[in-house]
Amino acid sequence: MKTLEFLSLLEQNPIISAVKNDGELRHALQSDCGAIILLFGNALNVGELVSAVKEAGKACVVHVDLVEGLSQSTVAVDFLLKSTQADGVISTRPQLVRHARQQGMLSIQRFFIIDSKALDSAKRQLPACDADIVEILPGVMPKIIAELARCCKKPIIASGLIRDKEDVLSAICAGAVAVSSTNGDVWYL
């Protein structure tokens, strides 16, 4: 899936289901969300998990750092590309994100903004970021999202601690193109 196609999908519904287990995945497959981020799995079942998402007609992004049995090497991205139907990967590791993009997969770079030092570090890294999209955690910081949106020329997904409609609207109004949440209630807003 190309970046513009994914962003178009998010325009239709800017809420992404992020799932941590099989039960959440079954619930997310029934939601109106057009995209699912897999935050779990292992090298043996990730293909089946991705297939379930694709069969439901949804885009699937795999958080490569959280799939058991995959290494921190770019071979993990190659494995997902060749052995699954994943549309893209998300990672905190720039080399994996860069490699995914080079291989034609949607690439999302995850940044944890836990304090001003992390914010400054993200601002320094963003201009050279090779990702198609940037994910910011936690996603309930509209002032910080707005600040990063001004200096970052890439689309931003706000994630983490998104609990209700107010959180979703605050993030979108601050400049995020979408939000990602593990909260099943948010998937149906």
C-alpha atoms as a PDB file:
ATOM      1  CA  MET A   1       0.000   0.000   0.000  1.00  0.00           C
ATOM      2  CA  LYS A   2       1.374   3.345  -0.995  1.00  0.00           C
ATOM      3  CA  THR A   3       1.456   6.291   1.384  1.00  0.00           C
ATOM      4  CA  LEU A   4      -1.180   8.316  -0.477  1.00  0.00           C
ATOM      5  CA  GLU A   5      -3.537   5.336  -0.548  1.00  0.00           C
ATOM      6  CA  PHE A   6      -3.085   4.831   3.208  1.00  0.00           C
ATOM      7  CA  LEU A   7      -3.613   8.537   3.917  1.00  0.00           C
ATOM      8  CA  SER A   8      -6.754   8.477   1.773  1.00  0.00           C
ATOM      9  CA  LEU A   9      -8.003   5.562   3.862  1.00  0.00           C
ATOM     10  CA  LEU A  10      -7.350   7.607   7.016  1.00  0.00           C
ATOM     11  CA  GLU A  11      -9.293  10.548   5.581  1.00  0.00           C
ATOM     12  CA  GLN A  12     -12.346   8.288   5.468  1.00  0.00           C
ATOM     13  CA  ASN A  13     -11.830   7.156   9.080  1.00  0.00           C
ATOM     14  CA  PRO A  14      -8.937   8.683  11.045  1.00  0.00           C
ATOM     15  CA  ILE A  15      -9.080   6.072  13.806  1.00  0.00           C
ATOM     16  CA  ILE A  16      -6.701   3.104  13.595  1.00  0.00           C
ATOM     17  CA  SER A  17      -7.289  -0.015  15.691  1.00  0.00           C
ATOM     18  CA  ALA A  18      -4.128  -1.079  17.513  1.00  0.00           C
ATOM     19  CA  VAL A  19      -4.415  -4.625  18.828  1.00  0.00           C
ATOM     20  CA  LYS A  20      -2.393  -6.523  21.436  1.00  0.00           C
ATOM     21  CA  ASN A  21      -4.015  -9.978  21.325  1.00  0.00           C
ATOM     22  CA  ASP A  22      -6.381 -12.283  19.421  1.00  0.00           C
ATOM     23  CA  GLY A  23      -9.501 -11.068  21.255  1.00  0.00           C
ATOM     24  CA  GLU A  24      -8.781  -7.432  20.419  1.00  0.00           C
ATOM     25  CA  LEU A  25      -8.067  -8.412  16.819  1.00  0.00           C
ATOM     26  CA  ARG A  26     -11.464 -10.141  16.489  1.00  0.00           C
ATOM     27  CA  HIS A  27     -13.115  -7.012  17.919  1.00  0.00           C
ATOM     28  CA  ALA A  28     -11.140  -4.681  15.599  1.00  0.00           C
ATOM     29  CA  LEU A  29     -12.066  -6.730  12.543  1.00  0.00           C
ATOM     30  CA  GLN A  30     -15.719  -5.871  13.252  1.00  0.00           C
ATOM     31  CA  SER A  31     -15.032  -2.125  13.619  1.00  0.00           C
ATOM     32  CA  ASP A  32     -15.342   0.547  10.933  1.00  0.00           C
ATOM     33  CA  CYS A  33     -11.617   1.284  11.197  1.00  0.00           C
ATOM     34  CA  GLY A  34      -9.941   0.865   7.831  1.00  0.00           C
ATOM     35  CA  ALA A  35      -6.527   0.074   9.281  1.00  0.00           C
ATOM     36  CA  ILE A  36      -5.197  -2.153  12.025  1.00  0.00           C
ATOM     37  CA  ILE A  37      -1.783  -2.089  13.669  1.00  0.00           C
ATOM     38  CA  LEU A  38      -0.668  -5.466  14.992  1.00  0.00           C
ATOM     39  CA  LEU A  39       1.157  -5.012  18.302  1.00  0.00           C
ATOM     40  CA  PHE A  40       1.598  -8.740  18.880  1.00  0.00           C
ATOM     41  CA  GLY A  41       2.342 -12.022  17.194  1.00  0.00           C
ATOM     42  CA  ASN A  42       5.288 -14.220  16.512  1.00  0.00           C
ATOM     43  CA  ALA A  43       7.219 -15.422  13.494  1.00  0.00           C
ATOM     44  CA  LEU A  44       4.975 -18.496  13.264  1.00  0.00           C
ATOM     45  CA  ASN A  45       1.577 -16.765  13.289  1.00  0.00           C
ATOM     46  CA  VAL A  46       2.120 -13.232  11.987  1.00  0.00           C
ATOM     47  CA  GLY A  47       1.211 -14.309   8.439  1.00  0.00           C
ATOM     48  CA  GLU A  48      -2.132 -15.688   9.632  1.00  0.00           C
ATOM     49  CA  LEU A  49      -2.827 -12.539  11.663  1.00  0.00           C
ATOM     50  CA  VAL A  50      -2.099 -10.298   8.684  1.00  0.00           C
ATOM     51  CA  SER A  51      -4.259 -12.512   6.445  1.00  0.00           C
ATOM     52  CA  ALA A  52      -7.209 -12.132   8.827  1.00  0.00           C
ATOM     53  CA  VAL A  53      -6.885  -8.339   8.639  1.00  0.00           C
ATOM     54  CA  LYS A  54      -6.586  -8.356   4.858  1.00  0.00           C
ATOM     55  CA  GLU A  55      -9.571 -10.724   4.477  1.00  0.00           C
ATOM     56  CA  ALA A  56     -11.628  -8.177   6.438  1.00  0.00           C
ATOM     57  CA  GLY A  57     -10.703  -5.560   3.821  1.00  0.00           C
ATOM     58  CA  LYS A  58      -8.477  -3.532   6.115  1.00  0.00           C
ATOM     59  CA  ALA A  59      -4.929  -2.227   5.800  1.00  0.00           C
ATOM     60  CA  CYS A  60      -2.459  -3.985   8.072  1.00  0.00           C
ATOM     61  CA  VAL A  61       0.662  -2.476   9.613  1.00  0.00           C
ATOM     62  CA  VAL A  62       2.894  -4.701  11.736  1.00  0.00           C
ATOM     63  CA  HIS A  63       4.856  -3.298  14.659  1.00  0.00           C
ATOM     64  CA  VAL A  64       7.976  -5.227  13.743  1.00  0.00           C
ATOM     65  CA  ASP A  65       9.645  -4.567  17.124  1.00  0.00           C
ATOM     66  CA  LEU A  66       6.863  -6.462  18.912  1.00  0.00           C
ATOM     67  CA  VAL A  67       6.691  -9.633  16.811  1.00  0.00           C
ATOM     68  CA  GLU A  68       8.364 -12.434  18.758  1.00  0.00           C
ATOM     69  CA  GLY A  69      11.088 -14.255  16.902  1.00  0.00           C
ATOM     70  CA  LEU A  70      11.979 -11.431  14.535  1.00  0.00           C
ATOM     71  CA  SER A  71      15.340  -9.758  14.976  1.00  0.00           C
ATOM     72  CA  GLN A  72      16.328  -6.110  14.966  1.00  0.00           C
ATOM     73  CA  SER A  73      17.889  -6.725  11.563  1.00  0.00           C
ATOM     74  CA  THR A  74      16.439  -5.612   8.251  1.00  0.00           C
ATOM     75  CA  VAL A  75      15.834  -9.289   7.493  1.00  0.00           C
ATOM     76  CA  ALA A  76      12.754  -8.968   9.740  1.00  0.00           C
ATOM     77  CA  VAL A  77      11.279  -6.478   7.259  1.00  0.00           C
ATOM     78  CA  ASP A  78      12.234  -8.745   4.356  1.00  0.00           C
ATOM     79  CA  PHE A  79      10.476 -11.637   6.106  1.00  0.00           C
ATOM     80  CA  LEU A  80       7.266  -9.609   6.541  1.00  0.00           C
ATOM     81  CA  LEU A  81       7.399  -8.489   2.916  1.00  0.00           C
ATOM     82  CA  LYS A  82       7.951 -11.971   1.472  1.00  0.00           C
ATOM     83  CA  SER A  83       5.935 -14.068   3.949  1.00  0.00           C
ATOM     84  CA  THR A  84       2.885 -11.906   4.703  1.00  0.00           C
ATOM     85  CA  GLN A  85       0.525  -9.486   3.010  1.00  0.00           C
ATOM     86  CA  ALA A  86       1.436  -6.668   5.444  1.00  0.00           C
ATOM     87  CA  ASP A  87       0.981  -3.212   3.970  1.00  0.00           C
ATOM     88  CA  GLY A  88       3.641  -1.703   6.157  1.00  0.00           C
ATOM     89  CA  VAL A  89       5.724  -1.710   9.288  1.00  0.00           C
ATOM     90  CA  ILE A  90       6.045   0.495  12.300  1.00  0.00           C
ATOM     91  CA  SER A  91       9.190   0.623  14.415  1.00  0.00           C
ATOM     92  CA  THR A  92      11.263   2.717  16.764  1.00  0.00           C
ATOM     93  CA  ARG A  93      14.333   1.613  14.801  1.00  0.00           C
ATOM     94  CA  PRO A  94      15.197   3.996  11.941  1.00  0.00           C
ATOM     95  CA  GLN A  95      17.115   1.329   9.986  1.00  0.00           C
ATOM     96  CA  LEU A  96      14.042  -0.929   9.850  1.00  0.00           C
ATOM     97  CA  VAL A  97      11.783   1.938   8.804  1.00  0.00           C
ATOM     98  CA  ARG A  98      14.244   3.040   6.127  1.00  0.00           C
ATOM     99  CA  HIS A  99      14.564  -0.502   4.784  1.00  0.00           C
ATOM    100  CA  ALA A 100      10.782  -0.980   4.693  1.00  0.00           C
ATOM    101  CA  ARG A 101      10.387   2.187   2.668  1.00  0.00           C
ATOM    102  CA  GLN A 102      13.175   1.134   0.284  1.00  0.00           C
ATOM    103  CA  GLN A 103      11.339  -2.166  -0.226  1.00  0.00           C
ATOM    104  CA  GLY A 104       8.114  -0.349  -1.123  1.00  0.00           C
ATOM    105  CA  MET A 105       6.292  -0.970   2.156  1.00  0.00           C
ATOM    106  CA  LEU A 106       4.496   1.747   4.079  1.00  0.00           C
ATOM    107  CA  SER A 107       6.891   2.866   6.807  1.00  0.00           C
ATOM    108  CA  ILE A 108       6.003   4.473  10.133  1.00  0.00           C
ATOM    109  CA  GLN A 109       8.633   5.769  12.565  1.00  0.00           C
ATOM    110  CA  ARG A 110       7.516   5.694  16.203  1.00  0.00           C
ATOM    111  CA  PHE A 111       8.710   8.391  18.635  1.00  0.00           C
ATOM    112  CA  PHE A 112       8.084   8.383  22.384  1.00  0.00           C
ATOM    113  CA  ILE A 113       7.884  11.986  23.614  1.00  0.00           C
ATOM    114  CA  ILE A 114       8.277  11.486  27.348  1.00  0.00           C
ATOM    115  CA  ASP A 115      10.016  14.738  28.252  1.00  0.00           C
ATOM    116  CA  SER A 116      11.603  17.860  26.741  1.00  0.00           C
ATOM    117  CA  LYS A 117      14.820  15.978  25.968  1.00  0.00           C
ATOM    118  CA  ALA A 118      12.893  13.412  23.914  1.00  0.00           C
ATOM    119  CA  LEU A 119      11.006  16.235  22.180  1.00  0.00           C
ATOM    120  CA  ASP A 120      14.257  17.986  21.242  1.00  0.00           C
ATOM    121  CA  SER A 121      15.701  14.696  20.019  1.00  0.00           C
ATOM    122  CA  ALA A 122      12.638  14.035  17.856  1.00  0.00           C
ATOM    123  CA  LYS A 123      12.848  17.528  16.366  1.00  0.00           C
ATOM    124  CA  ARG A 124      16.489  16.898  15.420  1.00  0.00           C
ATOM    125  CA  GLN A 125      15.687  13.496  13.895  1.00  0.00           C
ATOM    126  CA  LEU A 126      12.531  14.409  11.985  1.00  0.00           C
ATOM    127  CA  PRO A 127      14.172  16.315   9.104  1.00  0.00           C
ATOM    128  CA  ALA A 128      16.268  13.253   8.228  1.00  0.00           C
ATOM    129  CA  CYS A 129      13.527  10.716   8.989  1.00  0.00           C
ATOM    130  CA  ASP A 130      13.086   8.235   6.141  1.00  0.00           C
ATOM    131  CA  ALA A 131       9.572   7.200   7.174  1.00  0.00           C
ATOM    132  CA  ASP A 132       6.422   7.862   5.198  1.00  0.00           C
ATOM    133  CA  ILE A 133       4.552   8.687   8.420  1.00  0.00           C
ATOM    134  CA  VAL A 134       5.554   9.592  11.974  1.00  0.00           C
ATOM    135  CA  GLU A 135       3.789   8.236  15.051  1.00  0.00           C
ATOM    136  CA  ILE A 136       3.943  10.250  18.273  1.00  0.00           C
ATOM    137  CA  LEU A 137       3.296   8.786  21.711  1.00  0.00           C
ATOM    138  CA  PRO A 138       1.517   9.661  23.879  1.00  0.00           C
ATOM    139  CA  GLY A 139      -1.139  11.053  21.617  1.00  0.00           C
ATOM    140  CA  VAL A 140      -2.879  13.206  24.209  1.00  0.00           C
ATOM    141  CA  MET A 141      -0.510  16.178  23.882  1.00  0.00           C
ATOM    142  CA  PRO A 142      -2.166  18.565  21.427  1.00  0.00           C
ATOM    143  CA  LYS A 143       0.357  21.370  21.989  1.00  0.00           C
ATOM    144  CA  ILE A 144       3.274  19.026  21.307  1.00  0.00           C
ATOM    145  CA  ILE A 145       1.528  17.481  18.290  1.00  0.00           C
ATOM    146  CA  ALA A 146       0.968  20.991  16.882  1.00  0.00           C
ATOM    147  CA  GLU A 147       4.606  21.923  17.509  1.00  0.00           C
ATOM    148  CA  LEU A 148       5.858  18.785  15.747  1.00  0.00           C
ATOM    149  CA  ALA A 149       3.383  19.213  12.880  1.00  0.00           C
ATOM    150  CA  ARG A 150       4.845  22.668  12.243  1.00  0.00           C
ATOM    151  CA  CYS A 151       8.424  21.400  12.020  1.00  0.00           C
ATOM    152  CA  CYS A 152       7.715  17.989  10.467  1.00  0.00           C
ATOM    153  CA  LYS A 153       6.697  17.764   6.849  1.00  0.00           C
ATOM    154  CA  LYS A 154       5.419  14.212   7.300  1.00  0.00           C
ATOM    155  CA  PRO A 155       1.938  13.072   8.325  1.00  0.00           C
ATOM    156  CA  ILE A 156       1.597  12.406  12.051  1.00  0.00           C
ATOM    157  CA  ILE A 157      -0.377   9.683  13.809  1.00  0.00           C
ATOM    158  CA  ALA A 158      -1.094  10.357  17.488  1.00  0.00           C
ATOM    159  CA  SER A 159      -1.064   7.196  19.601  1.00  0.00           C
ATOM    160  CA  GLY A 160      -1.194   6.152  23.193  1.00  0.00           C
ATOM    161  CA  LEU A 161      -3.677   7.084  25.905  1.00  0.00           C
ATOM    162  CA  ILE A 162      -6.363   8.039  23.371  1.00  0.00           C
ATOM    163  CA  ARG A 163      -9.519   7.295  25.378  1.00  0.00           C
ATOM    164  CA  ASP A 164     -12.457   9.240  24.002  1.00  0.00           C
ATOM    165  CA  LYS A 165     -13.826  11.504  21.280  1.00  0.00           C
ATOM    166  CA  GLU A 166     -12.273  14.584  22.894  1.00  0.00           C
ATOM    167  CA  ASP A 167      -8.801  13.007  22.688  1.00  0.00           C
ATOM    168  CA  VAL A 168      -9.374  12.097  19.031  1.00  0.00           C
ATOM    169  CA  LEU A 169     -10.595  15.572  18.087  1.00  0.00           C
ATOM    170  CA  SER A 170      -7.813  17.307  20.033  1.00  0.00           C
ATOM    171  CA  ALA A 171      -5.135  15.294  18.235  1.00  0.00           C
ATOM    172  CA  ILE A 172      -6.693  15.823  14.791  1.00  0.00           C
ATOM    173  CA  CYS A 173      -7.209  19.553  15.401  1.00  0.00           C
ATOM    174  CA  ALA A 174      -3.576  19.830  16.520  1.00  0.00           C
ATOM    175  CA  GLY A 175      -2.345  18.465  13.195  1.00  0.00           C
ATOM    176  CA  ALA A 176      -2.418  14.667  13.388  1.00  0.00           C
ATOM    177  CA  VAL A 177      -3.863  12.936  10.324  1.00  0.00           C
ATOM    178  CA  ALA A 178      -5.117  10.064  12.478  1.00  0.00           C
ATOM    179  CA  VAL A 179      -5.041   8.475  15.900  1.00  0.00           C
ATOM    180  CA  SER A 180      -4.210   4.931  16.884  1.00  0.00           C
ATOM    181  CA  SER A 181      -5.746   3.400  19.973  1.00  0.00           C
ATOM    182  CA  THR A 182      -5.953   0.064  21.758  1.00  0.00           C
ATOM    183  CA  ASN A 183      -9.199   1.263  23.374  1.00  0.00           C
ATOM    184  CA  GLY A 184     -11.984  -0.662  21.644  1.00  0.00           C
ATOM    185  CA  ASP A 185     -14.559   2.006  22.484  1.00  0.00           C
ATOM    186  CA  VAL A 186     -12.586   4.547  20.439  1.00  0.00           C
ATOM    187  CA  TRP A 187     -12.740   2.315  17.338  1.00  0.00           C
ATOM    188  CA  TYR A 188     -16.491   2.932  17.141  1.00  0.00           C
ATOM    189  CA  LEU A 189     -16.528   6.729  17.411  1.00  0.00           C
END
